PDB file of N, CA and C in Angstrom:
ATOM      1  N   MET A   1      20.611 155.939 -63.041  1.00  0.00           N
ATOM      2  CA  MET A   1      21.239 156.739 -62.008  1.00  0.00           C
ATOM      3  C   MET A   1      22.787 156.559 -61.986  1.00  0.00           C
ATOM      4  N   GLY A   2      23.444 157.603 -61.598  1.00  0.00           N
ATOM      5  CA  GLY A   2      24.872 157.558 -61.642  1.00  0.00           C
ATOM      6  C   GLY A   2      25.474 157.251 -60.270  1.00  0.00           C
ATOM      7  N   ASP A   3      24.652 157.051 -59.245  1.00  0.00           N
ATOM      8  CA  ASP A   3      25.172 156.755 -57.908  1.00  0.00           C
ATOM      9  C   ASP A   3      25.695 155.328 -57.838  1.00  0.00           C
ATOM     10  N   LYS A   4      26.814 155.238 -57.174  1.00  0.00           N
ATOM     11  CA  LYS A   4      27.492 153.873 -57.019  1.00  0.00           C
ATOM     12  C   LYS A   4      27.874 153.683 -55.636  1.00  0.00           C
ATOM     13  N   VAL A   5      27.821 152.455 -55.173  1.00  0.00           N
ATOM     14  CA  VAL A   5      28.284 152.099 -53.814  1.00  0.00           C
ATOM     15  C   VAL A   5      29.222 150.810 -54.004  1.00  0.00           C
ATOM     16  N   TYR A   6      30.408 150.901 -53.335  1.00  0.00           N
ATOM     17  CA  TYR A   6      31.311 149.829 -53.420  1.00  0.00           C
ATOM     18  C   TYR A   6      31.606 149.216 -52.025  1.00  0.00           C
ATOM     19  N   LYS A   7      32.033 148.000 -52.078  1.00  0.00           N
ATOM     20  CA  LYS A   7      32.424 147.307 -50.810  1.00  0.00           C
ATOM     21  C   LYS A   7      33.878 146.873 -51.066  1.00  0.00           C
ATOM     22  N   LYS A   8      34.695 146.868 -50.007  1.00  0.00           N
ATOM     23  CA  LYS A   8      36.083 146.422 -50.108  1.00  0.00           C
ATOM     24  C   LYS A   8      36.296 145.221 -49.194  1.00  0.00           C
ATOM     25  N   ILE A   9      37.108 144.290 -49.675  1.00  0.00           N
ATOM     26  CA  ILE A   9      37.540 143.170 -48.859  1.00  0.00           C
ATOM     27  C   ILE A   9      39.062 143.134 -48.884  1.00  0.00           C
ATOM     28  N   ARG A  10      39.692 142.577 -47.856  1.00  0.00           N
ATOM     29  CA  ARG A  10      41.081 142.483 -47.782  1.00  0.00           C
ATOM     30  C   ARG A  10      41.549 141.055 -47.952  1.00  0.00           C
ATOM     31  N   VAL A  11      42.537 140.843 -48.840  1.00  0.00           N
ATOM     32  CA  VAL A  11      43.085 139.532 -49.074  1.00  0.00           C
ATOM     33  C   VAL A  11      44.610 139.598 -49.186  1.00  0.00           C
ATOM     34  N   VAL A  12      45.235 138.463 -48.892  1.00  0.00           N
ATOM     35  CA  VAL A  12      46.678 138.410 -48.968  1.00  0.00           C
ATOM     36  C   VAL A  12      47.084 137.435 -49.939  1.00  0.00           C
ATOM     37  N   GLY A  13      47.920 137.795 -50.925  1.00  0.00           N
ATOM     38  CA  GLY A  13      48.456 136.890 -51.929  1.00  0.00           C
ATOM     39  C   GLY A  13      49.899 136.567 -51.598  1.00  0.00           C
ATOM     40  N   CYS A  14      50.343 135.331 -51.850  1.00  0.00           N
ATOM     41  CA  CYS A  14      51.695 134.999 -51.526  1.00  0.00           C
ATOM     42  C   CYS A  14      52.336 134.318 -52.831  1.00  0.00           C
ATOM     43  N   SER A  15      53.605 134.645 -53.080  1.00  0.00           N
ATOM     44  CA  SER A  15      54.211 134.119 -54.322  1.00  0.00           C
ATOM     45  C   SER A  15      55.735 134.051 -54.064  1.00  0.00           C
ATOM     46  N   ALA A  16      56.349 133.014 -54.547  1.00  0.00           N
ATOM     47  CA  ALA A  16      57.796 132.869 -54.486  1.00  0.00           C
ATOM     48  C   ALA A  16      58.406 133.663 -55.600  1.00  0.00           C
ATOM     49  N   GLU A  17      57.645 134.121 -56.587  1.00  0.00           N
ATOM     50  CA  GLU A  17      58.136 134.740 -57.845  1.00  0.00           C
ATOM     51  C   GLU A  17      58.361 136.269 -57.640  1.00  0.00           C
ATOM     52  N   SER A  18      57.281 137.068 -57.230  1.00  0.00           N
ATOM     53  CA  SER A  18      57.355 138.501 -57.230  1.00  0.00           C
ATOM     54  C   SER A  18      56.140 139.011 -56.498  1.00  0.00           C
ATOM     55  N   MET A  19      56.280 140.364 -56.185  1.00  0.00           N
ATOM     56  CA  MET A  19      55.088 141.053 -55.634  1.00  0.00           C
ATOM     57  C   MET A  19      53.930 141.095 -56.599  1.00  0.00           C
ATOM     58  N   GLU A  20      54.226 141.357 -57.852  1.00  0.00           N
ATOM     59  CA  GLU A  20      53.195 141.379 -58.858  1.00  0.00           C
ATOM     60  C   GLU A  20      52.403 140.057 -58.933  1.00  0.00           C
ATOM     61  N   ALA A  21      53.198 138.971 -58.896  1.00  0.00           N
ATOM     62  CA  ALA A  21      52.573 137.648 -58.945  1.00  0.00           C
ATOM     63  C   ALA A  21      51.641 137.437 -57.705  1.00  0.00           C
ATOM     64  N   ALA A  22      52.122 137.924 -56.585  1.00  0.00           N
ATOM     65  CA  ALA A  22      51.280 137.805 -55.368  1.00  0.00           C
ATOM     66  C   ALA A  22      49.974 138.567 -55.490  1.00  0.00           C
ATOM     67  N   VAL A  23      50.013 139.804 -55.999  1.00  0.00           N
ATOM     68  CA  VAL A  23      48.795 140.575 -56.221  1.00  0.00           C
ATOM     69  C   VAL A  23      47.913 139.881 -57.221  1.00  0.00           C
ATOM     70  N   GLU A  24      48.450 139.374 -58.360  1.00  0.00           N
ATOM     71  CA  GLU A  24      47.619 138.715 -59.378  1.00  0.00           C
ATOM     72  C   GLU A  24      46.977 137.476 -58.819  1.00  0.00           C
ATOM     73  N   LEU A  25      47.645 136.723 -57.943  1.00  0.00           N
ATOM     74  CA  LEU A  25      47.086 135.564 -57.322  1.00  0.00           C
ATOM     75  C   LEU A  25      45.935 135.943 -56.376  1.00  0.00           C
ATOM     76  N   ALA A  26      46.137 137.001 -55.587  1.00  0.00           N
ATOM     77  CA  ALA A  26      45.084 137.426 -54.661  1.00  0.00           C
ATOM     78  C   ALA A  26      43.863 137.876 -55.384  1.00  0.00           C
ATOM     79  N   VAL A  27      43.998 138.617 -56.467  1.00  0.00           N
ATOM     80  CA  VAL A  27      42.888 139.121 -57.223  1.00  0.00           C
ATOM     81  C   VAL A  27      42.167 137.941 -57.955  1.00  0.00           C
ATOM     82  N   ALA A  28      42.977 137.008 -58.548  1.00  0.00           N
ATOM     83  CA  ALA A  28      42.368 135.909 -59.286  1.00  0.00           C
ATOM     84  C   ALA A  28      41.600 135.019 -58.302  1.00  0.00           C
ATOM     85  N   LYS A  29      42.108 134.761 -57.108  1.00  0.00           N
ATOM     86  CA  LYS A  29      41.416 133.902 -56.191  1.00  0.00           C
ATOM     87  C   LYS A  29      40.155 134.581 -55.633  1.00  0.00           C
ATOM     88  N   ALA A  30      40.269 135.875 -55.347  1.00  0.00           N
ATOM     89  CA  ALA A  30      39.108 136.575 -54.852  1.00  0.00           C
ATOM     90  C   ALA A  30      37.963 136.635 -55.836  1.00  0.00           C
ATOM     91  N   SER A  31      38.376 136.682 -57.182  1.00  0.00           N
ATOM     92  CA  SER A  31      37.366 136.788 -58.263  1.00  0.00           C
ATOM     93  C   SER A  31      36.553 135.477 -58.402  1.00  0.00           C
ATOM     94  N   ARG A  32      37.061 134.400 -57.861  1.00  0.00           N
ATOM     95  CA  ARG A  32      36.331 133.117 -57.938  1.00  0.00           C
ATOM     96  C   ARG A  32      35.043 133.108 -57.138  1.00  0.00           C
ATOM     97  N   SER A  33      35.065 133.841 -56.036  1.00  0.00           N
ATOM     98  CA  SER A  33      33.880 133.910 -55.158  1.00  0.00           C
ATOM     99  C   SER A  33      33.166 135.277 -55.040  1.00  0.00           C
ATOM    100  N   VAL A  34      33.891 136.340 -55.443  1.00  0.00           N
ATOM    101  CA  VAL A  34      33.297 137.654 -55.407  1.00  0.00           C
ATOM    102  C   VAL A  34      33.269 138.142 -56.871  1.00  0.00           C
ATOM    103  N   HIS A  35      32.046 138.496 -57.343  1.00  0.00           N
ATOM    104  CA  HIS A  35      31.995 138.908 -58.725  1.00  0.00           C
ATOM    105  C   HIS A  35      31.896 140.439 -58.859  1.00  0.00           C
ATOM    106  N   GLY A  36      32.344 140.845 -59.971  1.00  0.00           N
ATOM    107  CA  GLY A  36      32.364 142.278 -60.279  1.00  0.00           C
ATOM    108  C   GLY A  36      33.482 143.089 -59.631  1.00  0.00           C
ATOM    109  N   LEU A  37      34.691 142.456 -59.400  1.00  0.00           N
ATOM    110  CA  LEU A  37      35.778 143.185 -58.905  1.00  0.00           C
ATOM    111  C   LEU A  37      36.101 144.320 -59.823  1.00  0.00           C
ATOM    112  N   ALA A  38      36.329 145.557 -59.268  1.00  0.00           N
ATOM    113  CA  ALA A  38      36.541 146.716 -60.098  1.00  0.00           C
ATOM    114  C   ALA A  38      37.956 147.302 -59.986  1.00  0.00           C
ATOM    115  N   TRP A  39      38.603 147.140 -58.790  1.00  0.00           N
ATOM    116  CA  TRP A  39      39.907 147.756 -58.581  1.00  0.00           C
ATOM    117  C   TRP A  39      40.563 147.129 -57.376  1.00  0.00           C
ATOM    118  N   PHE A  40      41.852 147.361 -57.219  1.00  0.00           N
ATOM    119  CA  PHE A  40      42.585 146.874 -56.051  1.00  0.00           C
ATOM    120  C   PHE A  40      43.545 147.974 -55.549  1.00  0.00           C
ATOM    121  N   GLU A  41      43.975 147.882 -54.232  1.00  0.00           N
ATOM    122  CA  GLU A  41      44.845 148.795 -53.663  1.00  0.00           C
ATOM    123  C   GLU A  41      45.829 147.998 -52.782  1.00  0.00           C
ATOM    124  N   VAL A  42      47.120 148.170 -53.057  1.00  0.00           N
ATOM    125  CA  VAL A  42      48.109 147.516 -52.192  1.00  0.00           C
ATOM    126  C   VAL A  42      48.196 148.205 -50.840  1.00  0.00           C
ATOM    127  N   ILE A  43      47.956 147.487 -49.845  1.00  0.00           N
ATOM    128  CA  ILE A  43      47.876 147.995 -48.482  1.00  0.00           C
ATOM    129  C   ILE A  43      49.230 147.764 -47.721  1.00  0.00           C
ATOM    130  N   GLU A  44      49.768 146.575 -47.928  1.00  0.00           N
ATOM    131  CA  GLU A  44      51.020 146.147 -47.139  1.00  0.00           C
ATOM    132  C   GLU A  44      51.807 145.146 -48.019  1.00  0.00           C
ATOM    133  N   SER A  45      53.042 145.197 -47.912  1.00  0.00           N
ATOM    134  CA  SER A  45      53.845 144.160 -48.568  1.00  0.00           C
ATOM    135  C   SER A  45      54.912 143.674 -47.537  1.00  0.00           C
ATOM    136  N   ARG A  46      55.265 142.492 -47.541  1.00  0.00           N
ATOM    137  CA  ARG A  46      56.288 141.900 -46.714  1.00  0.00           C
ATOM    138  C   ARG A  46      56.710 140.641 -47.341  1.00  0.00           C
ATOM    139  N   GLY A  47      57.637 139.912 -46.735  1.00  0.00           N
ATOM    140  CA  GLY A  47      58.183 138.706 -47.297  1.00  0.00           C
ATOM    141  C   GLY A  47      58.832 137.808 -46.309  1.00  0.00           C
ATOM    142  N   ALA A  48      59.159 136.617 -46.745  1.00  0.00           N
ATOM    143  CA  ALA A  48      59.800 135.655 -45.964  1.00  0.00           C
ATOM    144  C   ALA A  48      61.268 135.559 -46.392  1.00  0.00           C
ATOM    145  N   ILE A  49      62.142 135.325 -45.415  1.00  0.00           N
ATOM    146  CA  ILE A  49      63.589 135.174 -45.678  1.00  0.00           C
ATOM    147  C   ILE A  49      64.029 133.827 -45.192  1.00  0.00           C
ATOM    148  N   SER A  50      64.858 133.201 -46.001  1.00  0.00           N
ATOM    149  CA  SER A  50      65.416 131.852 -45.545  1.00  0.00           C
ATOM    150  C   SER A  50      66.920 131.860 -45.986  1.00  0.00           C
ATOM    151  N   ASP A  51      67.848 131.571 -45.108  1.00  0.00           N
ATOM    152  CA  ASP A  51      69.284 131.529 -45.433  1.00  0.00           C
ATOM    153  C   ASP A  51      69.712 132.845 -46.084  1.00  0.00           C
ATOM    154  N   GLY A  52      69.192 133.969 -45.689  1.00  0.00           N
ATOM    155  CA  GLY A  52      69.592 135.276 -46.172  1.00  0.00           C
ATOM    156  C   GLY A  52      69.018 135.629 -47.537  1.00  0.00           C
ATOM    157  N   LYS A  53      68.042 134.863 -48.060  1.00  0.00           N
ATOM    158  CA  LYS A  53      67.450 135.125 -49.328  1.00  0.00           C
ATOM    159  C   LYS A  53      65.960 135.237 -49.171  1.00  0.00           C
ATOM    160  N   VAL A  54      65.430 136.128 -50.060  1.00  0.00           N
ATOM    161  CA  VAL A  54      63.929 136.267 -50.086  1.00  0.00           C
ATOM    162  C   VAL A  54      63.346 134.988 -50.704  1.00  0.00           C
ATOM    163  N   THR A  55      62.448 134.417 -49.985  1.00  0.00           N
ATOM    164  CA  THR A  55      61.826 133.138 -50.419  1.00  0.00           C
ATOM    165  C   THR A  55      60.338 133.273 -50.732  1.00  0.00           C
ATOM    166  N   GLU A  56      59.700 134.375 -50.292  1.00  0.00           N
ATOM    167  CA  GLU A  56      58.294 134.512 -50.595  1.00  0.00           C
ATOM    168  C   GLU A  56      57.955 136.001 -50.427  1.00  0.00           C
ATOM    169  N   TRP A  57      57.068 136.402 -51.379  1.00  0.00           N
ATOM    170  CA  TRP A  57      56.469 137.798 -51.296  1.00  0.00           C
ATOM    171  C   TRP A  57      55.037 137.620 -50.729  1.00  0.00           C
ATOM    172  N   GLN A  58      54.678 138.433 -49.795  1.00  0.00           N
ATOM    173  CA  GLN A  58      53.296 138.497 -49.262  1.00  0.00           C
ATOM    174  C   GLN A  58      52.749 139.861 -49.420  1.00  0.00           C
ATOM    175  N   VAL A  59      51.649 139.977 -50.155  1.00  0.00           N
ATOM    176  CA  VAL A  59      51.057 141.283 -50.423  1.00  0.00           C
ATOM    177  C   VAL A  59      49.681 141.337 -50.005  1.00  0.00           C
ATOM    178  N   THR A  60      49.315 142.316 -49.109  1.00  0.00           N
ATOM    179  CA  THR A  60      47.927 142.512 -48.690  1.00  0.00           C
ATOM    180  C   THR A  60      47.329 143.544 -49.614  1.00  0.00           C
ATOM    181  N   VAL A  61      46.126 143.169 -50.228  1.00  0.00           N
ATOM    182  CA  VAL A  61      45.442 144.043 -51.144  1.00  0.00           C
ATOM    183  C   VAL A  61      44.017 144.211 -50.711  1.00  0.00           C
ATOM    184  N   GLU A  62      43.420 145.363 -50.886  1.00  0.00           N
ATOM    185  CA  GLU A  62      42.000 145.555 -50.766  1.00  0.00           C
ATOM    186  C   GLU A  62      41.416 145.586 -52.167  1.00  0.00           C
ATOM    187  N   VAL A  63      40.430 144.776 -52.415  1.00  0.00           N
ATOM    188  CA  VAL A  63      39.787 144.753 -53.669  1.00  0.00           C
ATOM    189  C   VAL A  63      38.338 145.305 -53.548  1.00  0.00           C
ATOM    190  N   GLY A  64      38.000 146.105 -54.493  1.00  0.00           N
ATOM    191  CA  GLY A  64      36.653 146.730 -54.411  1.00  0.00           C
ATOM    192  C   GLY A  64      35.719 146.173 -55.472  1.00  0.00           C
ATOM    193  N   PHE A  65      34.465 146.116 -55.107  1.00  0.00           N
ATOM    194  CA  PHE A  65      33.418 145.652 -56.016  1.00  0.00           C
ATOM    195  C   PHE A  65      32.155 146.395 -55.809  1.00  0.00           C
ATOM    196  N   ARG A  66      31.379 146.590 -56.809  1.00  0.00           N
ATOM    197  CA  ARG A  66      30.213 147.347 -56.815  1.00  0.00           C
ATOM    198  C   ARG A  66      29.063 146.613 -56.180  1.00  0.00           C
ATOM    199  N   ILE A  67      28.363 147.254 -55.327  1.00  0.00           N
ATOM    200  CA  ILE A  67      27.137 146.700 -54.683  1.00  0.00           C
ATOM    201  C   ILE A  67      25.980 146.942 -55.627  1.00  0.00           C
ATOM    202  N   ASP A  68      25.228 145.921 -55.963  1.00  0.00           N
ATOM    203  CA  ASP A  68      24.092 146.102 -56.841  1.00  0.00           C
ATOM    204  C   ASP A  68      22.916 146.752 -56.115  1.00  0.00           C
TER     205      ASP A  68
END
């Protein structure tokens, strides 16, 4: 059958390095407990500032996985 059903969960990754690193961390951590991740979508991005400098990137992503 070609019918597919997916579920999405929302996770937030944080990194002092970059937005991309924050996304990669969120996906890697989610994949430890949720199997079959298929895609992600960036929902929101924000960051922390200290002494006028960006100190952390925080990225909210929804990751989708197929329901068996």
